[in-house]
């Protein structure tokens, strides 16, 4: 549980978990999952898409172009879509 926001920092994909760290993060965050990520979208608190990535191979996301704040991350793995909260310092 992300104690600062009261939101989960992990989301279950069947028996697999996905973790974004560090969270809060600065210029780069890593995504840990045993499944390939098909797409990743990052949205502002107001719902504006600020980043869209397809077929994530490195699982390291560059956040240097984003302002400090709270973002929502939508991750597509196989036929599952999960949403998480990300804080940029």
PDB file of N, CA and C in Angstrom:
ATOM      1  N   UNK A   1       0.852  -1.182   0.000  1.00  0.00           N
ATOM      2  CA  UNK A   1       0.000   0.000   0.000  1.00  0.00           C
ATOM      3  C   UNK A   1       0.886   1.229   0.000  1.00  0.00           C
ATOM      4  N   UNK A   2       0.600   2.156  -0.843  1.00  0.00           N
ATOM      5  CA  UNK A   2       1.309   3.429  -0.890  1.00  0.00           C
ATOM      6  C   UNK A   2       0.719   4.281   0.224  1.00  0.00           C
ATOM      7  N   UNK A   3       1.441   4.385   1.345  1.00  0.00           N
ATOM      8  CA  UNK A   3       0.891   5.050   2.518  1.00  0.00           C
ATOM      9  C   UNK A   3       0.620   6.527   2.291  1.00  0.00           C
ATOM     10  N   UNK A   4       1.375   7.184   1.420  1.00  0.00           N
ATOM     11  CA  UNK A   4       1.167   8.606   1.167  1.00  0.00           C
ATOM     12  C   UNK A   4      -0.173   8.857   0.489  1.00  0.00           C
ATOM     13  N   UNK A   5      -0.586   7.947  -0.385  1.00  0.00           N
ATOM     14  CA  UNK A   5      -1.826   8.143  -1.143  1.00  0.00           C
ATOM     15  C   UNK A   5      -2.949   7.224  -0.702  1.00  0.00           C
ATOM     16  N   UNK A   6      -2.605   6.186   0.076  1.00  0.00           N
ATOM     17  CA  UNK A   6      -3.611   5.220   0.462  1.00  0.00           C
ATOM     18  C   UNK A   6      -4.079   4.376  -0.704  1.00  0.00           C
ATOM     19  N   UNK A   7      -3.202   4.173  -1.700  1.00  0.00           N
ATOM     20  CA  UNK A   7      -3.552   3.379  -2.869  1.00  0.00           C
ATOM     21  C   UNK A   7      -2.569   2.231  -3.007  1.00  0.00           C
ATOM     22  N   UNK A   8      -2.991   1.145  -3.629  1.00  0.00           N
ATOM     23  CA  UNK A   8      -2.082   0.018  -3.814  1.00  0.00           C
ATOM     24  C   UNK A   8      -0.925   0.382  -4.731  1.00  0.00           C
ATOM     25  N   UNK A   9       0.268  -0.128  -4.406  1.00  0.00           N
ATOM     26  CA  UNK A   9       1.400   0.066  -5.295  1.00  0.00           C
ATOM     27  C   UNK A   9       1.660  -1.199  -6.094  1.00  0.00           C
ATOM     28  N   UNK A  10       0.906  -2.256  -5.816  1.00  0.00           N
ATOM     29  CA  UNK A  10       0.989  -3.494  -6.574  1.00  0.00           C
ATOM     30  C   UNK A  10      -0.410  -3.893  -7.032  1.00  0.00           C
ATOM     31  N   UNK A  11      -0.500  -4.459  -8.225  1.00  0.00           N
ATOM     32  CA  UNK A  11      -1.771  -4.934  -8.747  1.00  0.00           C
ATOM     33  C   UNK A  11      -1.548  -6.361  -9.219  1.00  0.00           C
ATOM     34  N   UNK A  12      -2.457  -7.257  -8.898  1.00  0.00           N
ATOM     35  CA  UNK A  12      -2.305  -8.663  -9.254  1.00  0.00           C
ATOM     36  C   UNK A  12      -2.664  -8.923 -10.714  1.00  0.00           C
ATOM     37  N   UNK A  13      -1.837  -9.683 -11.401  1.00  0.00           N
ATOM     38  CA  UNK A  13      -2.118 -10.235 -12.719  1.00  0.00           C
ATOM     39  C   UNK A  13      -2.109 -11.740 -12.516  1.00  0.00           C
ATOM     40  N   UNK A  14      -3.250 -12.333 -12.295  1.00  0.00           N
ATOM     41  CA  UNK A  14      -3.347 -13.745 -11.944  1.00  0.00           C
ATOM     42  C   UNK A  14      -2.418 -14.002 -10.771  1.00  0.00           C
ATOM     43  N   UNK A  15      -1.404 -14.852 -10.962  1.00  0.00           N
ATOM     44  CA  UNK A  15      -0.463 -15.132  -9.884  1.00  0.00           C
ATOM     45  C   UNK A  15       0.727 -14.186  -9.922  1.00  0.00           C
ATOM     46  N   UNK A  16       0.749 -13.266 -10.874  1.00  0.00           N
ATOM     47  CA  UNK A  16       1.867 -12.343 -11.044  1.00  0.00           C
ATOM     48  C   UNK A  16       1.523 -10.974 -10.466  1.00  0.00           C
ATOM     49  N   UNK A  17       2.529 -10.271  -9.989  1.00  0.00           N
ATOM     50  CA  UNK A  17       2.328  -8.912  -9.482  1.00  0.00           C
ATOM     51  C   UNK A  17       3.109  -7.942 -10.355  1.00  0.00           C
ATOM     52  N   UNK A  18       2.679  -6.701 -10.343  1.00  0.00           N
ATOM     53  CA  UNK A  18       3.405  -5.653 -11.047  1.00  0.00           C
ATOM     54  C   UNK A  18       3.713  -4.554 -10.038  1.00  0.00           C
ATOM     55  N   UNK A  19       4.947  -4.055 -10.092  1.00  0.00           N
ATOM     56  CA  UNK A  19       5.388  -3.039  -9.149  1.00  0.00           C
ATOM     57  C   UNK A  19       6.085  -1.927  -9.918  1.00  0.00           C
ATOM     58  N   UNK A  20       5.747  -0.676  -9.606  1.00  0.00           N
ATOM     59  CA  UNK A  20       6.446   0.478 -10.142  1.00  0.00           C
ATOM     60  C   UNK A  20       7.299   1.045  -9.018  1.00  0.00           C
ATOM     61  N   UNK A  21       8.605   1.169  -9.249  1.00  0.00           N
ATOM     62  CA  UNK A  21       9.490   1.675  -8.202  1.00  0.00           C
ATOM     63  C   UNK A  21      10.626   2.477  -8.803  1.00  0.00           C
ATOM     64  N   UNK A  22      11.205   3.429  -8.103  1.00  0.00           N
ATOM     65  CA  UNK A  22      10.680   3.924  -6.828  1.00  0.00           C
ATOM     66  C   UNK A  22       9.402   4.716  -7.070  1.00  0.00           C
ATOM     67  N   UNK A  23       8.551   4.742  -6.098  1.00  0.00           N
ATOM     68  CA  UNK A  23       7.299   5.487  -6.191  1.00  0.00           C
ATOM     69  C   UNK A  23       7.026   6.103  -4.831  1.00  0.00           C
ATOM     70  N   UNK A  24       7.289   7.390  -4.667  1.00  0.00           N
ATOM     71  CA  UNK A  24       7.546   8.426  -5.646  1.00  0.00           C
ATOM     72  C   UNK A  24       8.898   8.257  -6.332  1.00  0.00           C
ATOM     73  N   UNK A  25       8.948   8.738  -7.588  1.00  0.00           N
ATOM     74  CA  UNK A  25      10.169   8.666  -8.363  1.00  0.00           C
ATOM     75  C   UNK A  25      10.552  10.027  -8.897  1.00  0.00           C
ATOM     76  N   UNK A  26      11.772  10.106  -9.442  1.00  0.00           N
ATOM     77  CA  UNK A  26      12.237  11.381 -10.000  1.00  0.00           C
ATOM     78  C   UNK A  26      12.230  11.308 -11.519  1.00  0.00           C
ATOM     79  N   UNK A  27      13.377  11.077 -12.133  1.00  0.00           N
ATOM     80  CA  UNK A  27      13.450  11.091 -13.592  1.00  0.00           C
ATOM     81  C   UNK A  27      13.196   9.738 -14.242  1.00  0.00           C
ATOM     82  N   UNK A  28      13.422   8.647 -13.513  1.00  0.00           N
ATOM     83  CA  UNK A  28      13.211   7.309 -14.074  1.00  0.00           C
ATOM     84  C   UNK A  28      12.582   6.408 -13.037  1.00  0.00           C
ATOM     85  N   UNK A  29      11.681   5.549 -13.496  1.00  0.00           N
ATOM     86  CA  UNK A  29      11.110   4.515 -12.642  1.00  0.00           C
ATOM     87  C   UNK A  29      11.223   3.185 -13.374  1.00  0.00           C
ATOM     88  N   UNK A  30      11.255   2.124 -12.619  1.00  0.00           N
ATOM     89  CA  UNK A  30      11.315   0.776 -13.177  1.00  0.00           C
ATOM     90  C   UNK A  30       9.982   0.084 -12.946  1.00  0.00           C
ATOM     91  N   UNK A  31       9.667  -0.827 -13.837  1.00  0.00           N
ATOM     92  CA  UNK A  31       8.455  -1.629 -13.714  1.00  0.00           C
ATOM     93  C   UNK A  31       8.882  -3.074 -13.603  1.00  0.00           C
ATOM     94  N   UNK A  32       8.422  -3.733 -12.555  1.00  0.00           N
ATOM     95  CA  UNK A  32       8.770  -5.141 -12.358  1.00  0.00           C
ATOM     96  C   UNK A  32       7.528  -5.996 -12.576  1.00  0.00           C
ATOM     97  N   UNK A  33       7.631  -6.889 -13.523  1.00  0.00           N
ATOM     98  CA  UNK A  33       6.595  -7.891 -13.773  1.00  0.00           C
ATOM     99  C   UNK A  33       7.244  -9.032 -14.535  1.00  0.00           C
ATOM    100  N   UNK A  34       6.686 -10.218 -14.394  1.00  0.00           N
ATOM    101  CA  UNK A  34       7.206 -11.367 -15.127  1.00  0.00           C
ATOM    102  C   UNK A  34       6.548 -11.521 -16.489  1.00  0.00           C
ATOM    103  N   UNK A  35       5.572 -10.683 -16.781  1.00  0.00           N
ATOM    104  CA  UNK A  35       4.854 -10.732 -18.043  1.00  0.00           C
ATOM    105  C   UNK A  35       5.309  -9.590 -18.953  1.00  0.00           C
ATOM    106  N   UNK A  36       5.295  -9.769 -20.271  1.00  0.00           N
ATOM    107  CA  UNK A  36       5.631  -8.658 -21.174  1.00  0.00           C
ATOM    108  C   UNK A  36       4.534  -7.595 -21.139  1.00  0.00           C
ATOM    109  N   UNK A  37       4.951  -6.335 -21.127  1.00  0.00           N
ATOM    110  CA  UNK A  37       4.018  -5.217 -21.125  1.00  0.00           C
ATOM    111  C   UNK A  37       3.746  -4.834 -22.574  1.00  0.00           C
ATOM    112  N   UNK A  38       2.479  -4.852 -22.961  1.00  0.00           N
ATOM    113  CA  UNK A  38       2.105  -4.524 -24.342  1.00  0.00           C
ATOM    114  C   UNK A  38       1.965  -3.029 -24.549  1.00  0.00           C
ATOM    115  N   UNK A  39       1.469  -2.326 -23.559  1.00  0.00           N
ATOM    116  CA  UNK A  39       1.380  -0.867 -23.665  1.00  0.00           C
ATOM    117  C   UNK A  39       1.317  -0.251 -22.280  1.00  0.00           C
ATOM    118  N   UNK A  40       1.735   1.005 -22.227  1.00  0.00           N
ATOM    119  CA  UNK A  40       1.732   1.759 -20.979  1.00  0.00           C
ATOM    120  C   UNK A  40       1.349   3.194 -21.321  1.00  0.00           C
ATOM    121  N   UNK A  41       0.368   3.716 -20.609  1.00  0.00           N
ATOM    122  CA  UNK A  41      -0.084   5.095 -20.808  1.00  0.00           C
ATOM    123  C   UNK A  41      -0.049   5.803 -19.469  1.00  0.00           C
ATOM    124  N   UNK A  42       0.390   7.058 -19.486  1.00  0.00           N
ATOM    125  CA  UNK A  42       0.433   7.861 -18.267  1.00  0.00           C
ATOM    126  C   UNK A  42      -0.475   9.065 -18.471  1.00  0.00           C
ATOM    127  N   UNK A  43      -1.316   9.321 -17.465  1.00  0.00           N
ATOM    128  CA  UNK A  43      -2.298  10.399 -17.516  1.00  0.00           C
ATOM    129  C   UNK A  43      -2.120  11.338 -16.334  1.00  0.00           C
ATOM    130  N   UNK A  44      -2.452  12.615 -16.550  1.00  0.00           N
ATOM    131  CA  UNK A  44      -2.460  13.576 -15.451  1.00  0.00           C
ATOM    132  C   UNK A  44      -3.675  13.303 -14.573  1.00  0.00           C
ATOM    133  N   UNK A  45      -3.728  14.025 -13.463  1.00  0.00           N
ATOM    134  CA  UNK A  45      -4.854  13.926 -12.552  1.00  0.00           C
ATOM    135  C   UNK A  45      -6.164  14.312 -13.248  1.00  0.00           C
ATOM    136  N   UNK A  46      -6.078  15.162 -14.267  1.00  0.00           N
ATOM    137  CA  UNK A  46      -7.263  15.606 -15.007  1.00  0.00           C
ATOM    138  C   UNK A  46      -7.609  14.697 -16.183  1.00  0.00           C
ATOM    139  N   UNK A  47      -6.829  13.631 -16.394  1.00  0.00           N
ATOM    140  CA  UNK A  47      -7.128  12.672 -17.448  1.00  0.00           C
ATOM    141  C   UNK A  47      -6.452  12.928 -18.778  1.00  0.00           C
ATOM    142  N   UNK A  48      -5.564  13.917 -18.854  1.00  0.00           N
ATOM    143  CA  UNK A  48      -4.842  14.202 -20.094  1.00  0.00           C
ATOM    144  C   UNK A  48      -3.690  13.210 -20.252  1.00  0.00           C
ATOM    145  N   UNK A  49      -3.632  12.530 -21.405  1.00  0.00           N
ATOM    146  CA  UNK A  49      -2.545  11.590 -21.656  1.00  0.00           C
ATOM    147  C   UNK A  49      -1.251  12.364 -21.908  1.00  0.00           C
ATOM    148  N   UNK A  50      -0.198  12.027 -21.146  1.00  0.00           N
ATOM    149  CA  UNK A  50       1.086  12.715 -21.299  1.00  0.00           C
ATOM    150  C   UNK A  50       2.178  11.785 -21.813  1.00  0.00           C
ATOM    151  N   UNK A  51       1.919  10.481 -21.831  1.00  0.00           N
ATOM    152  CA  UNK A  51       2.898   9.528 -22.351  1.00  0.00           C
ATOM    153  C   UNK A  51       2.183   8.268 -22.809  1.00  0.00           C
ATOM    154  N   UNK A  52       2.632   7.728 -23.942  1.00  0.00           N
ATOM    155  CA  UNK A  52       2.084   6.492 -24.470  1.00  0.00           C
ATOM    156  C   UNK A  52       3.233   5.671 -25.035  1.00  0.00           C
ATOM    157  N   UNK A  53       3.401   4.467 -24.512  1.00  0.00           N
ATOM    158  CA  UNK A  53       4.479   3.588 -24.960  1.00  0.00           C
ATOM    159  C   UNK A  53       3.894   2.235 -25.345  1.00  0.00           C
ATOM    160  N   UNK A  54       4.378   1.666 -26.440  1.00  0.00           N
ATOM    161  CA  UNK A  54       3.951   0.340 -26.876  1.00  0.00           C
ATOM    162  C   UNK A  54       5.104  -0.636 -26.745  1.00  0.00           C
ATOM    163  N   UNK A  55       4.788  -1.863 -26.389  1.00  0.00           N
ATOM    164  CA  UNK A  55       5.761  -2.949 -26.274  1.00  0.00           C
ATOM    165  C   UNK A  55       6.984  -2.512 -25.481  1.00  0.00           C
ATOM    166  N   UNK A  56       6.830  -2.453 -24.190  1.00  0.00           N
ATOM    167  CA  UNK A  56       7.888  -2.022 -23.283  1.00  0.00           C
ATOM    168  C   UNK A  56       8.881  -3.170 -23.113  1.00  0.00           C
ATOM    169  N   UNK A  57      10.112  -2.967 -23.532  1.00  0.00           N
ATOM    170  CA  UNK A  57      11.129  -4.009 -23.404  1.00  0.00           C
ATOM    171  C   UNK A  57      12.052  -3.754 -22.213  1.00  0.00           C
ATOM    172  N   UNK A  58      12.501  -2.534 -22.030  1.00  0.00           N
ATOM    173  CA  UNK A  58      13.481  -2.238 -20.983  1.00  0.00           C
ATOM    174  C   UNK A  58      12.849  -2.178 -19.605  1.00  0.00           C
ATOM    175  N   UNK A  59      11.565  -1.886 -19.527  1.00  0.00           N
ATOM    176  CA  UNK A  59      10.839  -1.748 -18.271  1.00  0.00           C
ATOM    177  C   UNK A  59      11.396  -0.641 -17.386  1.00  0.00           C
ATOM    178  N   UNK A  60      12.047   0.339 -18.015  1.00  0.00           N
ATOM    179  CA  UNK A  60      12.491   1.556 -17.325  1.00  0.00           C
ATOM    180  C   UNK A  60      11.846   2.720 -18.062  1.00  0.00           C
ATOM    181  N   UNK A  61      11.128   3.548 -17.342  1.00  0.00           N
ATOM    182  CA  UNK A  61      10.377   4.643 -17.953  1.00  0.00           C
ATOM    183  C   UNK A  61      11.051   5.966 -17.598  1.00  0.00           C
ATOM    184  N   UNK A  62      11.316   6.779 -18.614  1.00  0.00           N
ATOM    185  CA  UNK A  62      11.928   8.099 -18.434  1.00  0.00           C
ATOM    186  C   UNK A  62      10.828   9.116 -18.154  1.00  0.00           C
ATOM    187  N   UNK A  63      10.846   9.693 -16.958  1.00  0.00           N
ATOM    188  CA  UNK A  63       9.844  10.675 -16.547  1.00  0.00           C
ATOM    189  C   UNK A  63      10.386  12.100 -16.569  1.00  0.00           C
ATOM    190  N   UNK A  64      11.581  12.298 -17.104  1.00  0.00           N
ATOM    191  CA  UNK A  64      12.248  13.594 -17.012  1.00  0.00           C
ATOM    192  C   UNK A  64      11.451  14.725 -17.664  1.00  0.00           C
ATOM    193  N   UNK A  65      10.607  14.421 -18.646  1.00  0.00           N
ATOM    194  CA  UNK A  65       9.811  15.452 -19.327  1.00  0.00           C
ATOM    195  C   UNK A  65       8.541  15.813 -18.568  1.00  0.00           C
ATOM    196  N   UNK A  66       8.201  15.046 -17.535  1.00  0.00           N
ATOM    197  CA  UNK A  66       6.971  15.298 -16.789  1.00  0.00           C
ATOM    198  C   UNK A  66       7.222  16.227 -15.612  1.00  0.00           C
ATOM    199  N   UNK A  67       6.230  17.036 -15.286  1.00  0.00           N
ATOM    200  CA  UNK A  67       6.295  17.911 -14.114  1.00  0.00           C
ATOM    201  C   UNK A  67       6.055  17.088 -12.853  1.00  0.00           C
ATOM    202  N   UNK A  68       6.446  17.634 -11.713  1.00  0.00           N
ATOM    203  CA  UNK A  68       6.150  16.986 -10.442  1.00  0.00           C
ATOM    204  C   UNK A  68       4.647  16.881 -10.279  1.00  0.00           C
ATOM    205  N   UNK A  69       4.191  15.772  -9.711  1.00  0.00           N
ATOM    206  CA  UNK A  69       2.758  15.621  -9.473  1.00  0.00           C
ATOM    207  C   UNK A  69       2.332  14.171  -9.407  1.00  0.00           C
ATOM    208  N   UNK A  70       1.028  13.984  -9.357  1.00  0.00           N
ATOM    209  CA  UNK A  70       0.416  12.657  -9.279  1.00  0.00           C
ATOM    210  C   UNK A  70      -0.070  12.279 -10.674  1.00  0.00           C
ATOM    211  N   UNK A  71       0.249  11.069 -11.102  1.00  0.00           N
ATOM    212  CA  UNK A  71      -0.142  10.564 -12.419  1.00  0.00           C
ATOM    213  C   UNK A  71      -0.815   9.210 -12.260  1.00  0.00           C
ATOM    214  N   UNK A  72      -1.616   8.876 -13.237  1.00  0.00           N
ATOM    215  CA  UNK A  72      -2.239   7.562 -13.293  1.00  0.00           C
ATOM    216  C   UNK A  72      -1.613   6.793 -14.445  1.00  0.00           C
ATOM    217  N   UNK A  73      -1.253   5.543 -14.187  1.00  0.00           N
ATOM    218  CA  UNK A  73      -0.586   4.695 -15.172  1.00  0.00           C
ATOM    219  C   UNK A  73      -1.545   3.566 -15.547  1.00  0.00           C
ATOM    220  N   UNK A  74      -1.753   3.390 -16.851  1.00  0.00           N
ATOM    221  CA  UNK A  74      -2.566   2.286 -17.361  1.00  0.00           C
ATOM    222  C   UNK A  74      -1.610   1.329 -18.052  1.00  0.00           C
ATOM    223  N   UNK A  75      -1.607   0.078 -17.619  1.00  0.00           N
ATOM    224  CA  UNK A  75      -0.690  -0.932 -18.146  1.00  0.00           C
ATOM    225  C   UNK A  75      -1.499  -2.069 -18.767  1.00  0.00           C
ATOM    226  N   UNK A  76      -1.157  -2.412 -20.003  1.00  0.00           N
ATOM    227  CA  UNK A  76      -1.807  -3.510 -20.714  1.00  0.00           C
ATOM    228  C   UNK A  76      -0.862  -4.700 -20.757  1.00  0.00           C
ATOM    229  N   UNK A  77      -1.262  -5.800 -20.154  1.00  0.00           N
ATOM    230  CA  UNK A  77      -0.511  -7.057 -20.190  1.00  0.00           C
ATOM    231  C   UNK A  77      -1.475  -8.138 -20.651  1.00  0.00           C
ATOM    232  N   UNK A  78      -1.140  -8.757 -21.778  1.00  0.00           N
ATOM    233  CA  UNK A  78      -2.036  -9.737 -22.407  1.00  0.00           C
ATOM    234  C   UNK A  78      -3.415  -9.114 -22.576  1.00  0.00           C
ATOM    235  N   UNK A  79      -4.447  -9.731 -22.034  1.00  0.00           N
ATOM    236  CA  UNK A  79      -5.807  -9.196 -22.158  1.00  0.00           C
ATOM    237  C   UNK A  79      -6.235  -8.425 -20.910  1.00  0.00           C
ATOM    238  N   UNK A  80      -5.295  -8.182 -20.009  1.00  0.00           N
ATOM    239  CA  UNK A  80      -5.616  -7.482 -18.767  1.00  0.00           C
ATOM    240  C   UNK A  80      -5.140  -6.038 -18.823  1.00  0.00           C
ATOM    241  N   UNK A  81      -5.948  -5.158 -18.264  1.00  0.00           N
ATOM    242  CA  UNK A  81      -5.589  -3.756 -18.171  1.00  0.00           C
ATOM    243  C   UNK A  81      -5.641  -3.368 -16.698  1.00  0.00           C
ATOM    244  N   UNK A  82      -4.540  -2.829 -16.192  1.00  0.00           N
ATOM    245  CA  UNK A  82      -4.475  -2.438 -14.790  1.00  0.00           C
ATOM    246  C   UNK A  82      -4.090  -0.982 -14.685  1.00  0.00           C
ATOM    247  N   UNK A  83      -4.582  -0.329 -13.639  1.00  0.00           N
ATOM    248  CA  UNK A  83      -4.290   1.086 -13.403  1.00  0.00           C
ATOM    249  C   UNK A  83      -3.599   1.233 -12.060  1.00  0.00           C
ATOM    250  N   UNK A  84      -2.592   2.108 -12.045  1.00  0.00           N
ATOM    251  CA  UNK A  84      -1.827   2.351 -10.828  1.00  0.00           C
ATOM    252  C   UNK A  84      -1.591   3.848 -10.688  1.00  0.00           C
ATOM    253  N   UNK A  85      -1.190   4.261  -9.504  1.00  0.00           N
ATOM    254  CA  UNK A  85      -0.867   5.656  -9.242  1.00  0.00           C
ATOM    255  C   UNK A  85       0.636   5.799  -9.181  1.00  0.00           C
ATOM    256  N   UNK A  86       1.157   6.883  -9.773  1.00  0.00           N
ATOM    257  CA  UNK A  86       2.575   7.175  -9.779  1.00  0.00           C
ATOM    258  C   UNK A  86       2.757   8.622  -9.330  1.00  0.00           C
ATOM    259  N   UNK A  87       3.715   8.847  -8.435  1.00  0.00           N
ATOM    260  CA  UNK A  87       4.018  10.186  -7.961  1.00  0.00           C
ATOM    261  C   UNK A  87       5.408  10.548  -8.457  1.00  0.00           C
ATOM    262  N   UNK A  88       5.516  11.708  -9.121  1.00  0.00           N
ATOM    263  CA  UNK A  88       6.828  12.203  -9.574  1.00  0.00           C
ATOM    264  C   UNK A  88       7.256  13.322  -8.655  1.00  0.00           C
ATOM    265  N   UNK A  89       8.471  13.169  -8.082  1.00  0.00           N
ATOM    266  CA  UNK A  89       9.057  14.203  -7.218  1.00  0.00           C
ATOM    267  C   UNK A  89       9.793  15.220  -8.034  1.00  0.00           C
TER     268      UNK A  89
END
